[in-house]
N, C-alpha and C. Protein backbone atom coordinates (compact mmCIF):
# COMPACT_ATOMS: atom_id res chain seq x y z
N UNK A 1 133.46 82.81 -21.05
CA UNK A 1 133.90 83.77 -22.06
C UNK A 1 133.60 83.24 -23.45
N UNK A 2 133.82 81.95 -23.65
CA UNK A 2 133.57 81.38 -24.97
C UNK A 2 132.08 81.41 -25.28
N UNK A 3 131.23 81.17 -24.27
CA UNK A 3 129.79 81.24 -24.50
C UNK A 3 129.39 82.64 -24.94
N UNK A 4 129.99 83.67 -24.34
CA UNK A 4 129.69 85.05 -24.74
C UNK A 4 130.07 85.25 -26.20
N UNK A 5 131.23 84.75 -26.59
CA UNK A 5 131.68 84.90 -27.98
C UNK A 5 130.70 84.21 -28.92
N UNK A 6 130.27 83.03 -28.55
CA UNK A 6 129.32 82.30 -29.40
C UNK A 6 128.01 83.06 -29.54
N UNK A 7 127.50 83.61 -28.44
CA UNK A 7 126.24 84.35 -28.50
C UNK A 7 126.37 85.56 -29.41
N UNK A 8 127.44 86.32 -29.26
CA UNK A 8 127.63 87.52 -30.07
C UNK A 8 127.73 87.15 -31.54
N UNK A 9 128.51 86.12 -31.85
CA UNK A 9 128.71 85.75 -33.24
C UNK A 9 127.46 85.12 -33.85
N UNK A 10 126.71 84.39 -33.06
CA UNK A 10 125.47 83.82 -33.57
C UNK A 10 124.48 84.93 -33.91
N UNK A 11 124.43 85.96 -33.08
CA UNK A 11 123.56 87.10 -33.38
C UNK A 11 124.01 87.77 -34.67
N UNK A 12 125.32 87.97 -34.82
CA UNK A 12 125.84 88.61 -36.04
C UNK A 12 125.48 87.77 -37.27
N UNK A 13 125.74 86.48 -37.18
CA UNK A 13 125.47 85.62 -38.33
C UNK A 13 123.97 85.48 -38.58
N UNK A 14 123.19 85.46 -37.51
CA UNK A 14 121.74 85.31 -37.68
C UNK A 14 121.12 86.53 -38.34
N UNK A 15 121.74 87.69 -38.20
CA UNK A 15 121.17 88.89 -38.83
C UNK A 15 121.45 88.92 -40.32
N UNK A 16 122.40 88.15 -40.79
CA UNK A 16 122.72 88.17 -42.22
C UNK A 16 121.54 87.79 -43.10
N UNK A 17 120.78 86.73 -42.78
CA UNK A 17 119.63 86.42 -43.64
C UNK A 17 118.59 87.54 -43.65
N UNK A 18 118.49 88.29 -42.57
CA UNK A 18 117.53 89.39 -42.52
C UNK A 18 117.90 90.48 -43.51
N UNK A 19 119.19 90.58 -43.82
CA UNK A 19 119.67 91.58 -44.76
C UNK A 19 119.60 91.05 -46.19
N UNK A 20 119.23 89.79 -46.31
CA UNK A 20 119.33 89.12 -47.60
C UNK A 20 118.35 89.69 -48.63
N UNK A 21 118.85 89.76 -49.84
CA UNK A 21 117.99 90.07 -50.98
C UNK A 21 118.10 88.88 -51.92
N UNK A 22 117.47 88.96 -53.06
CA UNK A 22 117.51 87.84 -53.99
C UNK A 22 118.94 87.54 -54.44
N UNK A 23 119.83 88.50 -54.37
CA UNK A 23 121.22 88.29 -54.79
C UNK A 23 122.05 87.60 -53.71
N UNK A 24 121.49 87.45 -52.53
CA UNK A 24 122.24 86.91 -51.41
C UNK A 24 121.91 85.44 -51.14
N UNK A 25 121.74 84.65 -52.13
CA UNK A 25 121.44 83.24 -51.93
C UNK A 25 122.61 82.51 -51.30
N UNK A 26 123.80 82.96 -51.56
CA UNK A 26 125.02 82.38 -51.01
C UNK A 26 126.11 83.42 -51.16
N UNK A 27 127.31 83.04 -50.90
CA UNK A 27 128.42 83.95 -51.08
C UNK A 27 129.42 83.83 -49.95
N UNK A 28 130.44 84.63 -50.05
CA UNK A 28 131.54 84.61 -49.10
C UNK A 28 131.32 85.62 -47.99
N UNK A 29 131.52 85.18 -46.77
CA UNK A 29 131.57 86.08 -45.62
C UNK A 29 133.02 86.10 -45.15
N UNK A 30 133.59 87.28 -45.12
CA UNK A 30 134.96 87.45 -44.62
C UNK A 30 134.89 87.80 -43.14
N UNK A 31 135.61 87.02 -42.36
CA UNK A 31 135.64 87.19 -40.91
C UNK A 31 137.05 87.63 -40.53
N UNK A 32 137.14 88.77 -39.88
CA UNK A 32 138.45 89.32 -39.52
C UNK A 32 138.49 89.47 -38.00
N UNK A 33 139.38 88.71 -37.37
CA UNK A 33 139.52 88.72 -35.91
C UNK A 33 140.83 89.39 -35.53
N UNK A 34 141.08 89.48 -34.25
CA UNK A 34 142.29 90.14 -33.78
C UNK A 34 143.50 89.22 -33.89
N UNK A 35 143.58 88.19 -33.06
CA UNK A 35 144.75 87.31 -33.07
C UNK A 35 144.36 85.92 -32.58
N UNK A 36 144.37 84.93 -33.46
CA UNK A 36 143.95 83.59 -33.06
C UNK A 36 144.91 82.90 -32.09
N UNK A 37 146.03 83.53 -31.76
CA UNK A 37 146.90 82.98 -30.72
C UNK A 37 146.22 83.08 -29.35
N UNK A 38 145.27 84.00 -29.22
CA UNK A 38 144.49 84.14 -28.01
C UNK A 38 143.25 83.25 -28.16
N UNK A 39 142.98 82.38 -27.19
CA UNK A 39 141.84 81.45 -27.33
C UNK A 39 140.50 82.15 -27.56
N UNK A 40 140.32 83.34 -27.01
CA UNK A 40 139.07 84.06 -27.22
C UNK A 40 138.87 84.37 -28.70
N UNK A 41 139.90 84.96 -29.33
CA UNK A 41 139.76 85.35 -30.74
C UNK A 41 139.80 84.14 -31.66
N UNK A 42 140.50 83.08 -31.26
CA UNK A 42 140.46 81.84 -32.04
C UNK A 42 139.02 81.32 -32.08
N UNK A 43 138.39 81.27 -30.91
CA UNK A 43 137.00 80.80 -30.83
C UNK A 43 136.07 81.72 -31.59
N UNK A 44 136.30 83.02 -31.48
CA UNK A 44 135.48 83.99 -32.21
C UNK A 44 135.47 83.67 -33.70
N UNK A 45 136.63 83.44 -34.27
CA UNK A 45 136.73 83.12 -35.70
C UNK A 45 136.11 81.78 -36.05
N UNK A 46 136.37 80.77 -35.21
CA UNK A 46 135.84 79.44 -35.48
C UNK A 46 134.31 79.42 -35.43
N UNK A 47 133.75 80.07 -34.43
CA UNK A 47 132.29 80.08 -34.28
C UNK A 47 131.64 80.86 -35.42
N UNK A 48 132.21 82.00 -35.76
CA UNK A 48 131.64 82.79 -36.86
C UNK A 48 131.68 82.01 -38.16
N UNK A 49 132.80 81.34 -38.43
CA UNK A 49 132.94 80.57 -39.67
C UNK A 49 131.93 79.42 -39.70
N UNK A 50 131.86 78.68 -38.62
CA UNK A 50 130.93 77.54 -38.57
C UNK A 50 129.48 78.00 -38.72
N UNK A 51 129.15 79.12 -38.09
CA UNK A 51 127.78 79.63 -38.18
C UNK A 51 127.46 80.10 -39.59
N UNK A 52 128.39 80.82 -40.20
CA UNK A 52 128.18 81.28 -41.58
C UNK A 52 127.98 80.09 -42.52
N UNK A 53 128.82 79.07 -42.36
CA UNK A 53 128.72 77.89 -43.22
C UNK A 53 127.41 77.14 -42.97
N UNK A 54 126.95 77.11 -41.73
CA UNK A 54 125.68 76.43 -41.44
C UNK A 54 124.50 77.17 -42.07
N UNK A 55 124.68 78.45 -42.36
CA UNK A 55 123.64 79.24 -43.02
C UNK A 55 123.75 79.21 -44.54
N UNK A 56 124.73 78.44 -45.06
CA UNK A 56 124.86 78.29 -46.50
C UNK A 56 125.89 79.19 -47.16
N UNK A 57 126.63 79.94 -46.38
CA UNK A 57 127.68 80.81 -46.93
C UNK A 57 129.01 80.07 -46.92
N UNK A 58 129.95 80.53 -47.71
CA UNK A 58 131.34 80.13 -47.53
C UNK A 58 131.95 81.21 -46.65
N UNK A 59 133.01 80.86 -45.96
CA UNK A 59 133.60 81.82 -45.02
C UNK A 59 135.10 81.62 -44.93
N UNK A 60 135.80 82.72 -44.74
CA UNK A 60 137.21 82.62 -44.42
C UNK A 60 137.50 83.50 -43.22
N UNK A 61 138.53 83.12 -42.48
CA UNK A 61 138.92 83.85 -41.28
C UNK A 61 140.34 84.33 -41.44
N UNK A 62 140.56 85.60 -41.14
CA UNK A 62 141.91 86.16 -41.14
C UNK A 62 142.07 87.00 -39.88
N UNK A 63 143.30 87.40 -39.58
CA UNK A 63 143.57 88.13 -38.35
C UNK A 63 144.48 89.33 -38.61
N UNK A 64 144.11 90.46 -38.02
CA UNK A 64 144.90 91.68 -38.20
C UNK A 64 145.92 91.91 -37.10
N UNK A 65 145.83 91.18 -35.99
CA UNK A 65 146.75 91.28 -34.85
C UNK A 65 146.87 92.71 -34.33
N UNK A 66 145.77 93.44 -34.39
CA UNK A 66 145.75 94.80 -33.86
C UNK A 66 146.36 95.85 -34.75
N UNK A 67 146.72 95.49 -35.96
CA UNK A 67 147.37 96.42 -36.90
C UNK A 67 146.33 96.94 -37.90
N UNK A 68 146.09 98.24 -37.89
CA UNK A 68 145.07 98.81 -38.78
C UNK A 68 145.48 98.73 -40.25
N UNK A 69 146.78 98.75 -40.55
CA UNK A 69 147.20 98.59 -41.95
C UNK A 69 146.88 97.20 -42.45
N UNK A 70 147.16 96.19 -41.63
CA UNK A 70 146.82 94.81 -41.99
C UNK A 70 145.31 94.67 -42.13
N UNK A 71 144.57 95.26 -41.21
CA UNK A 71 143.11 95.22 -41.27
C UNK A 71 142.61 95.83 -42.58
N UNK A 72 143.16 96.97 -42.97
CA UNK A 72 142.76 97.63 -44.21
C UNK A 72 143.03 96.75 -45.42
N UNK A 73 144.18 96.07 -45.42
CA UNK A 73 144.51 95.15 -46.50
C UNK A 73 143.51 93.99 -46.55
N UNK A 74 143.11 93.51 -45.39
CA UNK A 74 142.14 92.41 -45.34
C UNK A 74 140.76 92.87 -45.83
N UNK A 75 140.40 94.09 -45.55
CA UNK A 75 139.15 94.65 -46.08
C UNK A 75 139.25 94.74 -47.61
N UNK A 76 140.41 95.19 -48.11
CA UNK A 76 140.62 95.23 -49.57
C UNK A 76 140.45 93.85 -50.18
N UNK A 77 141.01 92.84 -49.52
CA UNK A 77 140.89 91.46 -50.00
C UNK A 77 139.43 91.02 -50.00
N UNK A 78 138.70 91.36 -48.95
CA UNK A 78 137.27 91.01 -48.88
C UNK A 78 136.50 91.66 -50.02
N UNK A 79 136.85 92.90 -50.34
CA UNK A 79 136.20 93.60 -51.45
C UNK A 79 136.55 92.93 -52.77
N UNK A 80 137.83 92.64 -52.98
CA UNK A 80 138.28 91.98 -54.21
C UNK A 80 137.61 90.62 -54.39
N UNK A 81 137.45 89.90 -53.27
CA UNK A 81 136.83 88.57 -53.31
C UNK A 81 135.30 88.62 -53.37
N UNK A 82 134.75 89.83 -53.46
CA UNK A 82 133.31 90.04 -53.57
C UNK A 82 132.54 89.42 -52.40
N UNK A 83 133.04 89.64 -51.20
CA UNK A 83 132.34 89.17 -50.01
C UNK A 83 130.95 89.77 -49.96
N UNK A 84 130.00 89.00 -49.46
CA UNK A 84 128.64 89.51 -49.30
C UNK A 84 128.46 90.18 -47.95
N UNK A 85 129.37 89.93 -47.03
CA UNK A 85 129.35 90.57 -45.71
C UNK A 85 130.72 90.40 -45.07
N UNK A 86 130.99 91.28 -44.12
CA UNK A 86 132.22 91.20 -43.33
C UNK A 86 131.83 91.21 -41.86
N UNK A 87 132.36 90.25 -41.12
CA UNK A 87 132.26 90.26 -39.66
C UNK A 87 133.64 90.67 -39.17
N UNK A 88 133.71 91.79 -38.45
CA UNK A 88 134.99 92.39 -38.08
C UNK A 88 135.06 92.65 -36.58
N UNK A 89 136.13 92.18 -35.97
CA UNK A 89 136.51 92.60 -34.62
C UNK A 89 137.54 93.70 -34.85
N UNK A 90 137.15 94.97 -34.75
CA UNK A 90 138.01 96.06 -35.20
C UNK A 90 139.33 96.16 -34.43
N UNK A 91 140.36 96.60 -35.15
CA UNK A 91 141.69 96.74 -34.57
C UNK A 91 141.80 97.96 -33.66
N UNK A 92 141.02 99.00 -33.96
CA UNK A 92 141.20 100.26 -33.26
C UNK A 92 139.90 101.06 -33.35
N UNK A 93 139.48 101.62 -32.24
CA UNK A 93 138.20 102.34 -32.20
C UNK A 93 138.16 103.50 -33.19
N UNK A 94 139.26 104.19 -33.37
CA UNK A 94 139.32 105.29 -34.34
C UNK A 94 139.93 104.83 -35.66
N UNK A 95 141.00 104.05 -35.58
CA UNK A 95 141.75 103.66 -36.77
C UNK A 95 141.05 102.71 -37.70
N UNK A 96 140.01 102.04 -37.24
CA UNK A 96 139.28 101.09 -38.09
C UNK A 96 138.14 101.74 -38.87
N UNK A 97 137.84 102.98 -38.58
CA UNK A 97 136.72 103.66 -39.25
C UNK A 97 136.92 103.69 -40.76
N UNK A 98 138.12 104.01 -41.21
CA UNK A 98 138.39 104.07 -42.65
C UNK A 98 138.18 102.75 -43.35
N UNK A 99 138.60 101.66 -42.71
CA UNK A 99 138.42 100.33 -43.31
C UNK A 99 136.94 99.99 -43.43
N UNK A 100 136.17 100.32 -42.40
CA UNK A 100 134.73 100.06 -42.44
C UNK A 100 134.08 100.90 -43.54
N UNK A 101 134.47 102.17 -43.64
CA UNK A 101 133.92 103.04 -44.70
C UNK A 101 134.23 102.48 -46.08
N UNK A 102 135.44 101.93 -46.25
CA UNK A 102 135.84 101.37 -47.53
C UNK A 102 134.93 100.20 -47.92
N UNK A 103 134.65 99.32 -46.97
CA UNK A 103 133.77 98.17 -47.24
C UNK A 103 132.36 98.65 -47.58
N UNK A 104 131.87 99.61 -46.85
CA UNK A 104 130.52 100.13 -47.09
C UNK A 104 130.44 100.80 -48.46
N UNK A 105 131.50 101.51 -48.83
CA UNK A 105 131.53 102.14 -50.16
C UNK A 105 131.46 101.10 -51.27
N UNK A 106 131.93 99.88 -50.97
CA UNK A 106 131.86 98.77 -51.93
C UNK A 106 130.55 97.99 -51.78
N UNK A 107 129.61 98.54 -51.03
CA UNK A 107 128.30 97.92 -50.80
C UNK A 107 128.38 96.58 -50.08
N UNK A 108 129.34 96.46 -49.18
CA UNK A 108 129.46 95.25 -48.37
C UNK A 108 129.09 95.62 -46.93
N UNK A 109 128.04 95.01 -46.38
CA UNK A 109 127.68 95.32 -45.00
C UNK A 109 128.73 94.79 -44.03
N UNK A 110 128.96 95.57 -42.98
CA UNK A 110 129.95 95.21 -41.97
C UNK A 110 129.24 95.06 -40.63
N UNK A 111 129.53 93.95 -39.96
CA UNK A 111 129.01 93.67 -38.63
C UNK A 111 130.20 93.64 -37.68
N UNK A 112 130.22 94.54 -36.71
CA UNK A 112 131.32 94.60 -35.75
C UNK A 112 130.98 93.74 -34.54
N UNK A 113 131.95 92.97 -34.08
CA UNK A 113 131.77 92.12 -32.91
C UNK A 113 132.88 92.38 -31.91
N UNK A 114 132.55 92.26 -30.64
CA UNK A 114 133.47 92.34 -29.53
C UNK A 114 133.95 93.75 -29.22
N UNK A 115 134.21 94.56 -30.20
CA UNK A 115 134.69 95.93 -29.98
C UNK A 115 133.96 96.85 -30.93
N UNK A 116 133.94 98.11 -30.58
CA UNK A 116 133.21 99.07 -31.40
C UNK A 116 134.17 100.08 -32.03
N UNK A 117 133.65 100.81 -32.98
CA UNK A 117 134.39 101.94 -33.54
C UNK A 117 133.72 103.22 -33.04
N UNK A 118 134.45 104.30 -33.11
CA UNK A 118 133.94 105.57 -32.59
C UNK A 118 133.14 106.37 -33.61
N UNK A 119 132.36 105.67 -34.41
CA UNK A 119 131.44 106.35 -35.32
C UNK A 119 130.19 105.50 -35.47
N UNK A 120 129.09 106.04 -35.06
CA UNK A 120 127.81 105.33 -35.16
C UNK A 120 127.28 105.40 -36.58
N UNK A 121 126.47 104.40 -36.94
CA UNK A 121 125.75 104.43 -38.19
C UNK A 121 126.48 103.87 -39.39
N UNK A 122 127.74 103.50 -39.25
CA UNK A 122 128.46 102.91 -40.39
C UNK A 122 128.17 101.43 -40.51
N UNK A 123 128.47 100.70 -39.46
CA UNK A 123 128.28 99.26 -39.47
C UNK A 123 126.79 98.94 -39.36
N UNK A 124 126.40 97.79 -39.91
CA UNK A 124 125.01 97.34 -39.77
C UNK A 124 124.69 97.10 -38.30
N UNK A 125 125.71 96.64 -37.54
CA UNK A 125 125.53 96.40 -36.11
C UNK A 125 126.89 96.44 -35.44
N UNK A 126 126.89 96.91 -34.19
CA UNK A 126 128.07 96.82 -33.34
C UNK A 126 127.64 95.98 -32.14
N UNK A 127 128.06 94.73 -32.13
CA UNK A 127 127.62 93.77 -31.12
C UNK A 127 128.70 93.61 -30.07
N UNK A 128 128.48 94.23 -28.92
CA UNK A 128 129.45 94.18 -27.84
C UNK A 128 128.74 93.80 -26.55
N UNK A 129 129.52 93.27 -25.64
CA UNK A 129 128.97 92.92 -24.33
C UNK A 129 129.01 94.14 -23.42
N UNK A 130 128.39 94.02 -22.27
CA UNK A 130 128.44 95.08 -21.27
C UNK A 130 129.73 94.91 -20.48
N UNK A 131 130.80 95.53 -20.98
CA UNK A 131 132.12 95.36 -20.38
C UNK A 131 132.22 95.97 -18.99
N UNK A 132 131.50 97.03 -18.71
CA UNK A 132 131.54 97.63 -17.37
C UNK A 132 130.96 96.65 -16.34
N UNK A 133 129.82 96.07 -16.68
CA UNK A 133 129.19 95.11 -15.77
C UNK A 133 130.07 93.87 -15.61
N UNK A 134 130.58 93.35 -16.72
CA UNK A 134 131.44 92.17 -16.66
C UNK A 134 132.69 92.41 -15.83
N UNK A 135 133.29 93.58 -15.98
CA UNK A 135 134.49 93.91 -15.21
C UNK A 135 134.18 94.02 -13.72
N UNK A 136 133.06 94.64 -13.39
CA UNK A 136 132.68 94.76 -11.98
C UNK A 136 132.47 93.38 -11.35
N UNK A 137 131.82 92.49 -12.08
CA UNK A 137 131.63 91.12 -11.59
C UNK A 137 132.97 90.42 -11.45
N UNK A 138 133.84 90.58 -12.46
CA UNK A 138 135.18 89.98 -12.40
C UNK A 138 135.98 90.51 -11.23
N UNK A 139 135.90 91.80 -10.97
CA UNK A 139 136.65 92.40 -9.86
C UNK A 139 136.16 91.85 -8.52
N UNK A 140 134.86 91.71 -8.38
CA UNK A 140 134.31 91.17 -7.14
C UNK A 140 134.77 89.73 -6.93
N UNK A 141 134.76 88.94 -8.00
CA UNK A 141 135.24 87.55 -7.88
C UNK A 141 136.73 87.52 -7.58
N UNK A 142 137.48 88.46 -8.14
CA UNK A 142 138.92 88.53 -7.89
C UNK A 142 139.17 88.81 -6.41
N UNK A 143 138.42 89.76 -5.83
CA UNK A 143 138.56 90.07 -4.40
C UNK A 143 138.20 88.85 -3.56
N UNK A 144 137.15 88.14 -3.93
CA UNK A 144 136.77 86.95 -3.18
C UNK A 144 137.85 85.88 -3.24
N UNK A 145 138.53 85.75 -4.37
CA UNK A 145 139.57 84.73 -4.53
C UNK A 145 140.90 85.15 -3.89
N UNK A 146 141.26 86.42 -4.01
CA UNK A 146 142.58 86.90 -3.57
C UNK A 146 142.54 87.46 -2.15
N UNK A 147 141.45 88.06 -1.79
CA UNK A 147 141.33 88.72 -0.50
C UNK A 147 141.25 90.23 -0.67
N UNK A 148 140.95 90.91 0.42
CA UNK A 148 140.73 92.35 0.33
C UNK A 148 141.89 93.18 0.87
N UNK A 149 143.10 92.58 0.93
CA UNK A 149 144.29 93.30 1.37
C UNK A 149 145.45 92.94 0.45
N UNK A 150 146.31 93.92 0.20
CA UNK A 150 147.52 93.65 -0.55
C UNK A 150 147.74 94.62 -1.69
N UNK A 151 148.86 94.42 -2.37
CA UNK A 151 149.23 95.24 -3.52
C UNK A 151 148.96 94.46 -4.80
N UNK A 152 148.65 95.20 -5.86
CA UNK A 152 148.44 94.57 -7.16
C UNK A 152 148.88 95.50 -8.27
N UNK A 153 149.13 94.91 -9.43
CA UNK A 153 149.46 95.65 -10.65
C UNK A 153 148.36 95.37 -11.66
N UNK A 154 147.87 96.42 -12.28
CA UNK A 154 146.84 96.27 -13.31
C UNK A 154 147.49 95.95 -14.65
N UNK A 155 146.99 94.93 -15.33
CA UNK A 155 147.39 94.64 -16.70
C UNK A 155 146.31 95.21 -17.60
N UNK A 156 146.66 96.24 -18.36
CA UNK A 156 145.72 97.00 -19.18
C UNK A 156 145.74 96.46 -20.59
N UNK A 157 144.59 96.35 -21.23
CA UNK A 157 144.51 95.88 -22.61
C UNK A 157 145.07 96.90 -23.58
N UNK A 158 144.64 96.85 -24.80
CA UNK A 158 145.11 97.76 -25.84
C UNK A 158 144.54 99.16 -25.61
N UNK A 159 145.38 100.18 -25.45
CA UNK A 159 144.88 101.53 -25.20
C UNK A 159 143.99 102.08 -26.32
N UNK A 160 144.08 101.54 -27.52
CA UNK A 160 143.25 102.00 -28.64
C UNK A 160 141.90 101.29 -28.69
N UNK A 161 141.65 100.39 -27.76
CA UNK A 161 140.40 99.63 -27.72
C UNK A 161 139.55 100.16 -26.57
N UNK A 162 138.37 100.65 -26.88
CA UNK A 162 137.48 101.19 -25.85
C UNK A 162 137.17 100.17 -24.76
N UNK A 163 137.20 98.87 -25.10
CA UNK A 163 136.93 97.84 -24.11
C UNK A 163 137.93 97.88 -22.97
N UNK A 164 139.19 98.20 -23.27
CA UNK A 164 140.23 98.21 -22.24
C UNK A 164 139.92 99.26 -21.18
N UNK A 165 139.58 100.46 -21.60
CA UNK A 165 139.27 101.53 -20.64
C UNK A 165 138.00 101.20 -19.86
N UNK A 166 137.00 100.67 -20.54
CA UNK A 166 135.75 100.33 -19.86
C UNK A 166 135.97 99.25 -18.81
N UNK A 167 136.74 98.23 -19.16
CA UNK A 167 137.02 97.15 -18.21
C UNK A 167 137.86 97.67 -17.05
N UNK A 168 138.85 98.49 -17.35
CA UNK A 168 139.70 99.06 -16.30
C UNK A 168 138.85 99.86 -15.31
N UNK A 169 137.97 100.70 -15.84
CA UNK A 169 137.09 101.50 -14.97
C UNK A 169 136.16 100.62 -14.15
N UNK A 170 135.66 99.55 -14.76
CA UNK A 170 134.78 98.63 -14.04
C UNK A 170 135.48 97.96 -12.87
N UNK A 171 136.73 97.54 -13.09
CA UNK A 171 137.51 96.96 -12.00
C UNK A 171 137.78 98.01 -10.93
N UNK A 172 138.20 99.19 -11.36
CA UNK A 172 138.55 100.24 -10.41
C UNK A 172 137.36 100.63 -9.53
N UNK A 173 136.18 100.66 -10.10
CA UNK A 173 134.98 101.00 -9.34
C UNK A 173 134.80 100.07 -8.14
N UNK A 174 135.10 98.80 -8.33
CA UNK A 174 134.97 97.82 -7.25
C UNK A 174 136.19 97.85 -6.34
N UNK A 175 137.39 97.80 -6.91
CA UNK A 175 138.60 97.64 -6.11
C UNK A 175 138.87 98.84 -5.21
N UNK A 176 138.48 100.03 -5.62
CA UNK A 176 138.71 101.21 -4.78
C UNK A 176 137.82 101.21 -3.53
N UNK A 177 136.86 100.33 -3.47
CA UNK A 177 136.03 100.21 -2.27
C UNK A 177 136.75 99.48 -1.14
N UNK A 178 137.89 98.88 -1.46
CA UNK A 178 138.67 98.13 -0.47
C UNK A 178 139.94 98.93 -0.17
N UNK A 179 139.93 99.62 0.97
CA UNK A 179 141.02 100.54 1.29
C UNK A 179 142.36 99.84 1.50
N UNK A 180 142.37 98.55 1.79
CA UNK A 180 143.62 97.83 1.99
C UNK A 180 144.15 97.17 0.72
N UNK A 181 143.47 97.38 -0.39
CA UNK A 181 143.98 96.95 -1.70
C UNK A 181 144.63 98.16 -2.36
N UNK A 182 145.89 98.04 -2.73
CA UNK A 182 146.63 99.17 -3.30
C UNK A 182 147.15 98.82 -4.70
N UNK A 183 146.75 99.62 -5.67
CA UNK A 183 147.31 99.46 -7.02
C UNK A 183 148.68 100.12 -7.02
N UNK A 184 149.72 99.32 -7.28
CA UNK A 184 151.09 99.84 -7.23
C UNK A 184 151.69 100.01 -8.62
N UNK A 185 150.93 99.67 -9.65
CA UNK A 185 151.43 99.85 -11.01
C UNK A 185 150.38 99.49 -12.03
N UNK A 186 150.69 99.87 -13.26
CA UNK A 186 149.81 99.58 -14.39
C UNK A 186 150.69 99.31 -15.59
N UNK A 187 150.50 98.16 -16.22
CA UNK A 187 151.28 97.77 -17.40
C UNK A 187 150.34 97.55 -18.57
N UNK A 188 150.70 98.05 -19.73
CA UNK A 188 149.92 97.80 -20.94
C UNK A 188 150.29 96.41 -21.44
N UNK A 189 149.31 95.52 -21.47
CA UNK A 189 149.54 94.14 -21.89
C UNK A 189 149.08 93.89 -23.32
N UNK A 190 148.31 94.82 -23.91
CA UNK A 190 147.83 94.68 -25.29
C UNK A 190 147.14 93.35 -25.53
N UNK A 191 146.41 92.87 -24.54
CA UNK A 191 145.65 91.62 -24.63
C UNK A 191 146.55 90.40 -24.78
N UNK A 192 147.84 90.54 -24.60
CA UNK A 192 148.78 89.41 -24.71
C UNK A 192 148.71 88.60 -23.42
N UNK A 193 148.40 87.34 -23.53
CA UNK A 193 148.23 86.49 -22.35
C UNK A 193 149.52 85.84 -21.88
N UNK A 194 150.65 86.11 -22.52
CA UNK A 194 151.90 85.46 -22.11
C UNK A 194 152.66 86.22 -21.07
């Protein structure tokens, strides 16, 4: 999982010089992740920051913890700080559109990582993995480890994140092929690992 995060963030950071003009010799890149309490998002922020700095930029990392109001405030801060780019793991597929539009209106390119928003053409890039394929592979490995009989409860990610539905569907596609596996419940976990 960490390797996937590194690949996505390296692609995002590597595209920044391609966008460069004579005014982009250096500058601040604002990196906004979901919640560094989760090792995935902690790594996402660390890798993006290290990559930006290795390319000659300064970088800061902040976290919205899934709150679109906090995310909007962080975008305002990036604008005030005259960021040359924003790398954003959006808080909400619909709710983050306004924050992205605000950054673009301030002529700051936005690169989305890990999750997408429900409007094409705003961000310079939306860099996401194939969550359906990854979930199907994960489900098959889960069956191999647990067995093909028994009851289980699905832990669902954030309902406002398209990744959660895609991953859920990917698991369901595989697990429903095993008639002795029964889903007996579904709990919204909001990506909380505790």
